[in-house]
């Protein structure tokens, strides 16, 4: 589970626009269930993003 302050990158579970590939984000809020999916809010990203579509920086899957 991600928590506020975690550094993350978008993984390949969902389509990731080129401008976000490899970009590090910081979790600013969440997780919270949105439309049945656990989501978090990220700095420099408008809206929330599915938690399972993110990998912590430094984890082997990132």
Protein backbone atom coordinates (compact mmCIF):
# COMPACT_ATOMS: atom_id res chain seq x y z
CA UNK A 1 0.00 0.00 0.00
CA UNK A 2 1.29 3.43 -0.92
CA UNK A 3 1.38 6.26 1.60
CA UNK A 4 1.82 10.02 1.43
CA UNK A 5 5.43 10.87 0.61
CA UNK A 6 6.23 7.67 -1.35
CA UNK A 7 8.13 8.21 -4.60
CA UNK A 8 6.57 6.27 -7.47
CA UNK A 9 6.67 5.72 -11.23
CA UNK A 10 3.84 4.54 -13.46
CA UNK A 11 4.23 0.87 -14.37
CA UNK A 12 2.97 -0.88 -17.51
CA UNK A 13 -0.30 -2.20 -16.06
CA UNK A 14 -2.17 0.63 -17.81
CA UNK A 15 -1.37 2.76 -20.85
CA UNK A 16 1.16 5.40 -19.83
CA UNK A 17 1.53 8.50 -22.03
CA UNK A 18 5.08 9.09 -23.25
CA UNK A 19 5.44 12.28 -21.17
CA UNK A 20 4.94 10.25 -17.96
CA UNK A 21 7.16 7.23 -18.79
CA UNK A 22 9.93 7.04 -16.21
CA UNK A 23 8.79 10.25 -14.47
CA UNK A 24 8.93 10.14 -10.69
CA UNK A 25 5.91 11.38 -8.78
CA UNK A 26 5.36 11.88 -5.05
CA UNK A 27 2.16 10.56 -3.49
CA UNK A 28 0.37 13.57 -1.99
CA UNK A 29 -2.83 11.90 -0.70
CA UNK A 30 -4.63 8.58 -0.49
CA UNK A 31 -5.15 5.79 -0.94
CA UNK A 32 -8.88 6.13 -1.36
CA UNK A 33 -11.43 4.06 -3.26
CA UNK A 34 -12.60 5.91 -6.38
CA UNK A 35 -15.07 4.15 -8.68
CA UNK A 36 -14.23 0.82 -7.06
CA UNK A 37 -10.46 1.24 -7.57
CA UNK A 38 -7.90 2.14 -4.93
CA UNK A 39 -6.30 5.40 -6.06
CA UNK A 40 -3.75 7.93 -4.87
CA UNK A 41 -3.10 11.55 -5.79
CA UNK A 42 0.27 12.54 -7.21
CA UNK A 43 2.20 15.80 -7.42
CA UNK A 44 2.29 17.25 -10.94
CA UNK A 45 -0.60 15.01 -12.07
CA UNK A 46 -4.18 16.19 -12.47
CA UNK A 47 -6.63 13.86 -10.74
CA UNK A 48 -5.92 10.56 -9.08
CA UNK A 49 -4.21 7.42 -10.39
CA UNK A 50 -4.84 3.73 -9.73
CA UNK A 51 -2.56 2.47 -6.97
CA UNK A 52 -1.82 -0.82 -8.76
CA UNK A 53 -0.58 1.12 -11.78
CA UNK A 54 2.30 2.56 -9.74
CA UNK A 55 5.58 1.11 -8.49
CA UNK A 56 7.62 2.55 -5.63
CA UNK A 57 10.97 3.94 -6.69
CA UNK A 58 13.63 1.58 -5.45
CA UNK A 59 11.39 -1.51 -5.51
CA UNK A 60 12.51 -4.27 -7.87
CA UNK A 61 9.38 -3.80 -10.04
CA UNK A 62 9.87 -0.06 -10.53
